[in-house]
Amino acid sequence: MHYVIMGCGRVGSTLAMSLEAQGHSVAVIDQNEAAFRRLGAAFKGRRVTGVGFDRDTLRAAGIDRAYAFAAVSSGDNSNILSARVARETFDVEHVVARIYDPGRAEIYQRLGIPTVATVKWTADQVMRRLVPAGAVPVHTDASGAVTLAEIPTDPSWVGTPLVKLEAITGARVAYLTRLGEGMLPVKNTVLQDGDLLQMLVRTDRLAALEQLLAGQRPTEV
């Protein structure tokens, strides 16, 4: 698949090299041509000098065929604007933007752009939002019977109360990550767009749980 990354700082270059190592094609955009030195001589992807929210620059980076777009420059406004152009103009489904001001995260989230605050942010977290890696086991008990895993959900599950999600899946929501912050669910917590679910499940049911949450929410429940 093809990925476009805006910003070739430490995070952007790490993402670019990690994605290329997985066999994907990658284009990196940065206003400063010297920033591309972070990619090293072995990087075979495209280096595009320009502004990440400029449509011609995005086209030069292959946005028309991009599976995902990550805006990880040093400017909040540039990242959000670029992410919105990628999603709204070029219909890129998988988009994530880095922000430095967590106080504005909720506003950006309402615009439909998943955001991660730099304080809680790592390249690995963004990678999980961009790459369809399925369930990511976080911990397994000593007996191997119970697993704590981060499990992606189909968009149709958004709006589901977590108590109902637990009843449907037969698994326990240990905690979730929302706007870069971990939170313990309470009785009235509802799954929101961009939430990352950490679930406790019997190890022998992990694959079935992943398959269930990756599909459409059952209409009869």
C-alpha atoms as a PDB file:
ATOM      1  CA  MET A   1       0.000   0.000   0.000  1.00  0.00           C
ATOM      2  CA  HIS A   2       1.054   3.632  -0.435  1.00  0.00           C
ATOM      3  CA  TYR A   3       1.484   6.016   2.499  1.00  0.00           C
ATOM      4  CA  VAL A   4       2.037   9.770   2.515  1.00  0.00           C
ATOM      5  CA  ILE A   5       3.711  11.415   5.506  1.00  0.00           C
ATOM      6  CA  MET A   6       3.935  15.165   6.046  1.00  0.00           C
ATOM      7  CA  GLY A   7       6.895  16.129   8.193  1.00  0.00           C
ATOM      8  CA  CYS A   8      10.346  14.569   8.158  1.00  0.00           C
ATOM      9  CA  GLY A   9      11.352  15.109  11.750  1.00  0.00           C
ATOM     10  CA  ARG A  10      12.257  12.260  14.073  1.00  0.00           C
ATOM     11  CA  VAL A  11       8.721  10.908  14.120  1.00  0.00           C
ATOM     12  CA  GLY A  12       8.024  11.298  10.408  1.00  0.00           C
ATOM     13  CA  SER A  13      11.301   9.716   9.382  1.00  0.00           C
ATOM     14  CA  THR A  14      10.771   6.836  11.836  1.00  0.00           C
ATOM     15  CA  LEU A  15       7.304   6.187  10.429  1.00  0.00           C
ATOM     16  CA  ALA A  16       8.569   6.362   6.852  1.00  0.00           C
ATOM     17  CA  MET A  17      11.390   3.902   7.395  1.00  0.00           C
ATOM     18  CA  SER A  18       9.190   1.532   9.413  1.00  0.00           C
ATOM     19  CA  LEU A  19       6.492   1.466   6.736  1.00  0.00           C
ATOM     20  CA  GLU A  20       9.031   0.919   3.975  1.00  0.00           C
ATOM     21  CA  ALA A  21      10.585  -1.921   5.974  1.00  0.00           C
ATOM     22  CA  GLN A  22       7.153  -3.577   5.979  1.00  0.00           C
ATOM     23  CA  GLY A  23       7.109  -3.492   2.186  1.00  0.00           C
ATOM     24  CA  HIS A  24       4.894  -0.439   1.626  1.00  0.00           C
ATOM     25  CA  SER A  25       5.611   2.470  -0.696  1.00  0.00           C
ATOM     26  CA  VAL A  26       6.102   5.801   1.088  1.00  0.00           C
ATOM     27  CA  ALA A  27       6.295   9.463   0.140  1.00  0.00           C
ATOM     28  CA  VAL A  28       7.513  12.070   2.630  1.00  0.00           C
ATOM     29  CA  ILE A  29       6.693  15.779   2.379  1.00  0.00           C
ATOM     30  CA  ASP A  30       8.705  18.511   4.075  1.00  0.00           C
ATOM     31  CA  GLN A  31       9.307  22.203   3.395  1.00  0.00           C
ATOM     32  CA  ASN A  32      12.967  21.842   4.341  1.00  0.00           C
ATOM     33  CA  GLU A  33      14.842  19.682   1.862  1.00  0.00           C
ATOM     34  CA  ALA A  34      17.650  19.166   4.367  1.00  0.00           C
ATOM     35  CA  ALA A  35      15.209  17.293   6.639  1.00  0.00           C
ATOM     36  CA  PHE A  36      15.239  14.338   4.259  1.00  0.00           C
ATOM     37  CA  ARG A  37      18.736  13.474   5.449  1.00  0.00           C
ATOM     38  CA  ARG A  38      17.054  11.773   8.415  1.00  0.00           C
ATOM     39  CA  LEU A  39      15.757   9.110   6.030  1.00  0.00           C
ATOM     40  CA  GLY A  40      19.239   7.906   5.133  1.00  0.00           C
ATOM     41  CA  ALA A  41      20.618   6.751   1.816  1.00  0.00           C
ATOM     42  CA  ALA A  42      18.832   3.397   1.974  1.00  0.00           C
ATOM     43  CA  PHE A  43      15.349   4.940   1.872  1.00  0.00           C
ATOM     44  CA  LYS A  44      13.806   4.266  -1.539  1.00  0.00           C
ATOM     45  CA  GLY A  45      10.586   6.248  -1.090  1.00  0.00           C
ATOM     46  CA  ARG A  46       9.691   9.589  -2.611  1.00  0.00           C
ATOM     47  CA  ARG A  47      10.959  12.846  -1.108  1.00  0.00           C
ATOM     48  CA  VAL A  48       8.704  15.806  -1.934  1.00  0.00           C
ATOM     49  CA  THR A  49       9.726  19.339  -1.000  1.00  0.00           C
ATOM     50  CA  GLY A  50       6.721  21.551  -0.372  1.00  0.00           C
ATOM     51  CA  VAL A  51       3.826  22.487   1.892  1.00  0.00           C
ATOM     52  CA  GLY A  52       1.761  19.535   3.022  1.00  0.00           C
ATOM     53  CA  PHE A  53      -1.629  21.151   2.522  1.00  0.00           C
ATOM     54  CA  ASP A  54      -0.852  22.251  -1.055  1.00  0.00           C
ATOM     55  CA  ARG A  55      -2.856  20.084  -3.446  1.00  0.00           C
ATOM     56  CA  ASP A  56      -0.133  19.938  -6.096  1.00  0.00           C
ATOM     57  CA  THR A  57       2.404  18.916  -3.472  1.00  0.00           C
ATOM     58  CA  LEU A  58       0.076  16.185  -2.231  1.00  0.00           C
ATOM     59  CA  ARG A  59      -0.492  14.950  -5.779  1.00  0.00           C
ATOM     60  CA  ALA A  60       3.265  14.831  -6.327  1.00  0.00           C
ATOM     61  CA  ALA A  61       3.454  12.606  -3.245  1.00  0.00           C
ATOM     62  CA  GLY A  62       0.846  10.234  -4.681  1.00  0.00           C
ATOM     63  CA  ILE A  63      -2.070  11.209  -2.462  1.00  0.00           C
ATOM     64  CA  ASP A  64      -4.512  10.078  -5.156  1.00  0.00           C
ATOM     65  CA  ARG A  65      -3.544   6.456  -4.506  1.00  0.00           C
ATOM     66  CA  ALA A  66      -2.679   6.730  -0.815  1.00  0.00           C
ATOM     67  CA  TYR A  67      -4.078   4.219   1.647  1.00  0.00           C
ATOM     68  CA  ALA A  68      -3.245   6.532   4.566  1.00  0.00           C
ATOM     69  CA  PHE A  69      -1.896   9.987   5.399  1.00  0.00           C
ATOM     70  CA  ALA A  70      -0.053  11.126   8.530  1.00  0.00           C
ATOM     71  CA  ALA A  71       0.543  14.798   9.323  1.00  0.00           C
ATOM     72  CA  VAL A  72       3.404  14.941  11.833  1.00  0.00           C
ATOM     73  CA  SER A  73       5.066  18.294  11.231  1.00  0.00           C
ATOM     74  CA  SER A  74       5.843  20.746  14.036  1.00  0.00           C
ATOM     75  CA  GLY A  75       2.753  22.892  13.449  1.00  0.00           C
ATOM     76  CA  ASP A  76      -0.731  22.077  14.738  1.00  0.00           C
ATOM     77  CA  ASN A  77      -2.536  24.197  12.160  1.00  0.00           C
ATOM     78  CA  SER A  78      -0.526  22.809   9.245  1.00  0.00           C
ATOM     79  CA  ASN A  79      -1.128  19.252  10.420  1.00  0.00           C
ATOM     80  CA  ILE A  80      -4.881  19.679  10.792  1.00  0.00           C
ATOM     81  CA  LEU A  81      -5.256  21.576   7.525  1.00  0.00           C
ATOM     82  CA  SER A  82      -3.222  18.964   5.655  1.00  0.00           C
ATOM     83  CA  ALA A  83      -5.188  16.139   7.227  1.00  0.00           C
ATOM     84  CA  ARG A  84      -8.481  17.768   6.256  1.00  0.00           C
ATOM     85  CA  VAL A  85      -7.342  18.267   2.665  1.00  0.00           C
ATOM     86  CA  ALA A  86      -6.225  14.633   2.478  1.00  0.00           C
ATOM     87  CA  ARG A  87      -9.573  13.393   3.778  1.00  0.00           C
ATOM     88  CA  GLU A  88     -12.037  15.876   2.294  1.00  0.00           C
ATOM     89  CA  THR A  89     -10.407  16.603  -1.077  1.00  0.00           C
ATOM     90  CA  PHE A  90      -8.689  13.320  -1.833  1.00  0.00           C
ATOM     91  CA  ASP A  91     -10.959  10.946   0.151  1.00  0.00           C
ATOM     92  CA  VAL A  92      -8.123   9.282   2.055  1.00  0.00           C
ATOM     93  CA  GLU A  93      -9.869   7.114   4.632  1.00  0.00           C
ATOM     94  CA  HIS A  94      -7.031   6.583   7.110  1.00  0.00           C
ATOM     95  CA  VAL A  95      -5.745   9.938   8.360  1.00  0.00           C
ATOM     96  CA  VAL A  96      -4.031  10.931  11.592  1.00  0.00           C
ATOM     97  CA  ALA A  97      -2.642  14.285  12.750  1.00  0.00           C
ATOM     98  CA  ARG A  98      -0.131  15.055  15.462  1.00  0.00           C
ATOM     99  CA  ILE A  99      -0.905  18.019  17.732  1.00  0.00           C
ATOM    100  CA  TYR A 100       1.020  19.895  20.390  1.00  0.00           C
ATOM    101  CA  ASP A 101      -1.992  21.477  22.082  1.00  0.00           C
ATOM    102  CA  PRO A 102      -4.095  18.751  23.751  1.00  0.00           C
ATOM    103  CA  GLY A 103      -6.709  21.391  24.619  1.00  0.00           C
ATOM    104  CA  ARG A 104      -7.700  21.611  20.976  1.00  0.00           C
ATOM    105  CA  ALA A 105      -7.802  17.876  20.398  1.00  0.00           C
ATOM    106  CA  GLU A 106     -11.543  17.558  20.952  1.00  0.00           C
ATOM    107  CA  ILE A 107     -12.254  20.240  18.352  1.00  0.00           C
ATOM    108  CA  TYR A 108     -10.159  18.440  15.771  1.00  0.00           C
ATOM    109  CA  GLN A 109     -11.755  15.121  16.668  1.00  0.00           C
ATOM    110  CA  ARG A 110     -15.180  16.579  15.853  1.00  0.00           C
ATOM    111  CA  LEU A 111     -13.874  17.394  12.385  1.00  0.00           C
ATOM    112  CA  GLY A 112     -13.358  13.681  11.856  1.00  0.00           C
ATOM    113  CA  ILE A 113      -9.561  13.767  12.126  1.00  0.00           C
ATOM    114  CA  PRO A 114      -8.056  11.321  14.657  1.00  0.00           C
ATOM    115  CA  THR A 115      -5.416  13.237  16.601  1.00  0.00           C
ATOM    116  CA  VAL A 116      -2.673  12.292  19.017  1.00  0.00           C
ATOM    117  CA  ALA A 117      -1.179  14.730  21.508  1.00  0.00           C
ATOM    118  CA  THR A 118       2.595  14.847  21.433  1.00  0.00           C
ATOM    119  CA  VAL A 119       2.923  14.309  25.200  1.00  0.00           C
ATOM    120  CA  LYS A 120       1.407  10.839  24.918  1.00  0.00           C
ATOM    121  CA  TRP A 121       2.535  10.237  21.371  1.00  0.00           C
ATOM    122  CA  THR A 122       4.901   7.666  19.869  1.00  0.00           C
ATOM    123  CA  ALA A 123       5.494   6.520  16.320  1.00  0.00           C
ATOM    124  CA  ASP A 124       4.207   3.098  17.334  1.00  0.00           C
ATOM    125  CA  GLN A 125       0.799   4.494  18.326  1.00  0.00           C
ATOM    126  CA  VAL A 126       0.411   6.267  15.008  1.00  0.00           C
ATOM    127  CA  MET A 127       1.536   3.156  13.150  1.00  0.00           C
ATOM    128  CA  ARG A 128      -1.283   1.205  14.786  1.00  0.00           C
ATOM    129  CA  ARG A 129      -3.807   3.729  13.486  1.00  0.00           C
ATOM    130  CA  LEU A 130      -2.419   3.644   9.963  1.00  0.00           C
ATOM    131  CA  VAL A 131      -1.635  -0.011   9.385  1.00  0.00           C
ATOM    132  CA  PRO A 132      -4.387  -2.667   9.527  1.00  0.00           C
ATOM    133  CA  ALA A 133      -2.407  -4.908  11.849  1.00  0.00           C
ATOM    134  CA  GLY A 134      -5.390  -6.545  13.546  1.00  0.00           C
ATOM    135  CA  ALA A 135      -5.349  -7.258  17.261  1.00  0.00           C
ATOM    136  CA  VAL A 136      -2.130  -6.313  19.054  1.00  0.00           C
ATOM    137  CA  PRO A 137      -1.507  -8.458  22.159  1.00  0.00           C
ATOM    138  CA  VAL A 138      -0.230  -6.335  25.032  1.00  0.00           C
ATOM    139  CA  HIS A 139      -0.022  -8.874  27.848  1.00  0.00           C
ATOM    140  CA  THR A 140      -0.768 -12.538  28.485  1.00  0.00           C
ATOM    141  CA  ASP A 141      -1.075 -14.035  31.949  1.00  0.00           C
ATOM    142  CA  ALA A 142       1.424 -16.631  33.135  1.00  0.00           C
ATOM    143  CA  SER A 143      -0.862 -19.538  32.216  1.00  0.00           C
ATOM    144  CA  GLY A 144      -1.497 -18.172  28.724  1.00  0.00           C
ATOM    145  CA  ALA A 145      -5.258 -18.372  29.245  1.00  0.00           C
ATOM    146  CA  VAL A 146      -6.077 -14.634  29.287  1.00  0.00           C
ATOM    147  CA  THR A 147      -4.807 -11.943  26.930  1.00  0.00           C
ATOM    148  CA  LEU A 148      -4.974  -8.156  27.104  1.00  0.00           C
ATOM    149  CA  ALA A 149      -5.052  -6.895  23.522  1.00  0.00           C
ATOM    150  CA  GLU A 150      -5.630  -3.688  21.603  1.00  0.00           C
ATOM    151  CA  ILE A 151      -8.381  -4.575  19.141  1.00  0.00           C
ATOM    152  CA  PRO A 152      -9.481  -2.342  16.237  1.00  0.00           C
ATOM    153  CA  THR A 153     -13.184  -1.874  15.578  1.00  0.00           C
ATOM    154  CA  ASP A 154     -15.271  -1.354  12.474  1.00  0.00           C
ATOM    155  CA  PRO A 155     -16.785   2.180  12.262  1.00  0.00           C
ATOM    156  CA  SER A 156     -20.261   0.675  12.719  1.00  0.00           C
ATOM    157  CA  TRP A 157     -19.436   0.069  16.401  1.00  0.00           C
ATOM    158  CA  VAL A 158     -19.020   3.806  17.080  1.00  0.00           C
ATOM    159  CA  GLY A 159     -21.817   4.956  19.382  1.00  0.00           C
ATOM    160  CA  THR A 160     -22.135   1.588  21.127  1.00  0.00           C
ATOM    161  CA  PRO A 161     -22.200   1.723  24.944  1.00  0.00           C
ATOM    162  CA  LEU A 162     -19.270  -0.315  26.226  1.00  0.00           C
ATOM    163  CA  VAL A 163     -21.533  -2.347  28.504  1.00  0.00           C
ATOM    164  CA  LYS A 164     -23.454  -3.436  25.407  1.00  0.00           C
ATOM    165  CA  LEU A 165     -20.223  -4.097  23.510  1.00  0.00           C
ATOM    166  CA  GLU A 166     -19.106  -6.361  26.347  1.00  0.00           C
ATOM    167  CA  ALA A 167     -22.453  -8.184  26.297  1.00  0.00           C
ATOM    168  CA  ILE A 168     -22.189  -8.752  22.536  1.00  0.00           C
ATOM    169  CA  THR A 169     -18.564  -9.878  22.549  1.00  0.00           C
ATOM    170  CA  GLY A 170     -18.350 -11.699  25.856  1.00  0.00           C
ATOM    171  CA  ALA A 171     -15.074  -9.894  26.551  1.00  0.00           C
ATOM    172  CA  ARG A 172     -14.112  -7.197  29.056  1.00  0.00           C
ATOM    173  CA  VAL A 173     -13.024  -3.655  28.173  1.00  0.00           C
ATOM    174  CA  ALA A 174     -10.025  -3.073  30.439  1.00  0.00           C
ATOM    175  CA  TYR A 175      -9.516   0.545  29.367  1.00  0.00           C
ATOM    176  CA  LEU A 176      -9.538   2.713  26.283  1.00  0.00           C
ATOM    177  CA  THR A 177      -7.361   5.452  24.859  1.00  0.00           C
ATOM    178  CA  ARG A 178      -9.174   8.618  23.773  1.00  0.00           C
ATOM    179  CA  LEU A 179      -7.447  11.717  22.403  1.00  0.00           C
ATOM    180  CA  GLY A 180      -4.113  10.344  23.557  1.00  0.00           C
ATOM    181  CA  GLU A 181      -5.238   9.734  27.152  1.00  0.00           C
ATOM    182  CA  GLY A 182      -5.997   6.422  28.827  1.00  0.00           C
ATOM    183  CA  MET A 183      -9.338   6.213  30.603  1.00  0.00           C
ATOM    184  CA  LEU A 184     -11.243   3.625  32.595  1.00  0.00           C
ATOM    185  CA  PRO A 185     -14.765   3.072  31.265  1.00  0.00           C
ATOM    186  CA  VAL A 186     -17.785   3.725  33.464  1.00  0.00           C
ATOM    187  CA  LYS A 187     -21.367   2.532  33.110  1.00  0.00           C
ATOM    188  CA  ASN A 188     -22.369   5.138  30.532  1.00  0.00           C
ATOM    189  CA  THR A 189     -19.152   5.231  28.462  1.00  0.00           C
ATOM    190  CA  VAL A 190     -19.868   5.080  24.725  1.00  0.00           C
ATOM    191  CA  LEU A 191     -17.350   4.120  22.026  1.00  0.00           C
ATOM    192  CA  GLN A 192     -16.304   7.204  20.051  1.00  0.00           C
ATOM    193  CA  ASP A 193     -14.574   7.581  16.704  1.00  0.00           C
ATOM    194  CA  GLY A 194     -10.820   7.258  17.205  1.00  0.00           C
ATOM    195  CA  ASP A 195     -11.021   5.333  20.503  1.00  0.00           C
ATOM    196  CA  LEU A 196      -8.494   2.523  20.941  1.00  0.00           C
ATOM    197  CA  LEU A 197      -9.938  -0.429  22.863  1.00  0.00           C
ATOM    198  CA  GLN A 198      -7.831  -2.529  25.220  1.00  0.00           C
ATOM    199  CA  MET A 199      -9.776  -5.719  25.914  1.00  0.00           C
ATOM    200  CA  LEU A 200      -9.383  -8.724  28.194  1.00  0.00           C
ATOM    201  CA  VAL A 201     -10.352 -11.986  26.520  1.00  0.00           C
ATOM    202  CA  ARG A 202      -9.649 -15.671  26.790  1.00  0.00           C
ATOM    203  CA  THR A 203      -6.682 -16.322  24.529  1.00  0.00           C
ATOM    204  CA  ASP A 204      -8.514 -19.034  22.623  1.00  0.00           C
ATOM    205  CA  ARG A 205     -11.243 -16.489  21.738  1.00  0.00           C
ATOM    206  CA  LEU A 206      -8.949 -13.654  20.632  1.00  0.00           C
ATOM    207  CA  ALA A 207      -9.191 -14.436  16.921  1.00  0.00           C
ATOM    208  CA  ALA A 208     -12.989 -14.705  17.073  1.00  0.00           C
ATOM    209  CA  LEU A 209     -13.245 -11.409  18.992  1.00  0.00           C
ATOM    210  CA  GLU A 210     -11.020  -9.676  16.459  1.00  0.00           C
ATOM    211  CA  GLN A 211     -13.161 -10.970  13.602  1.00  0.00           C
ATOM    212  CA  LEU A 212     -16.385  -9.875  15.316  1.00  0.00           C
ATOM    213  CA  LEU A 213     -15.202  -6.313  16.011  1.00  0.00           C
ATOM    214  CA  ALA A 214     -13.683  -5.956  12.549  1.00  0.00           C
ATOM    215  CA  GLY A 215     -17.087  -6.550  10.970  1.00  0.00           C
ATOM    216  CA  GLN A 216     -20.384  -4.707  11.021  1.00  0.00           C
ATOM    217  CA  ARG A 217     -22.044  -4.493  14.415  1.00  0.00           C
ATOM    218  CA  PRO A 218     -24.878  -7.031  14.557  1.00  0.00           C
ATOM    219  CA  THR A 219     -28.137  -5.294  13.701  1.00  0.00           C
ATOM    220  CA  GLU A 220     -30.278  -7.374  16.017  1.00  0.00           C
ATOM    221  CA  VAL A 221     -28.564  -6.103  19.174  1.00  0.00           C
END
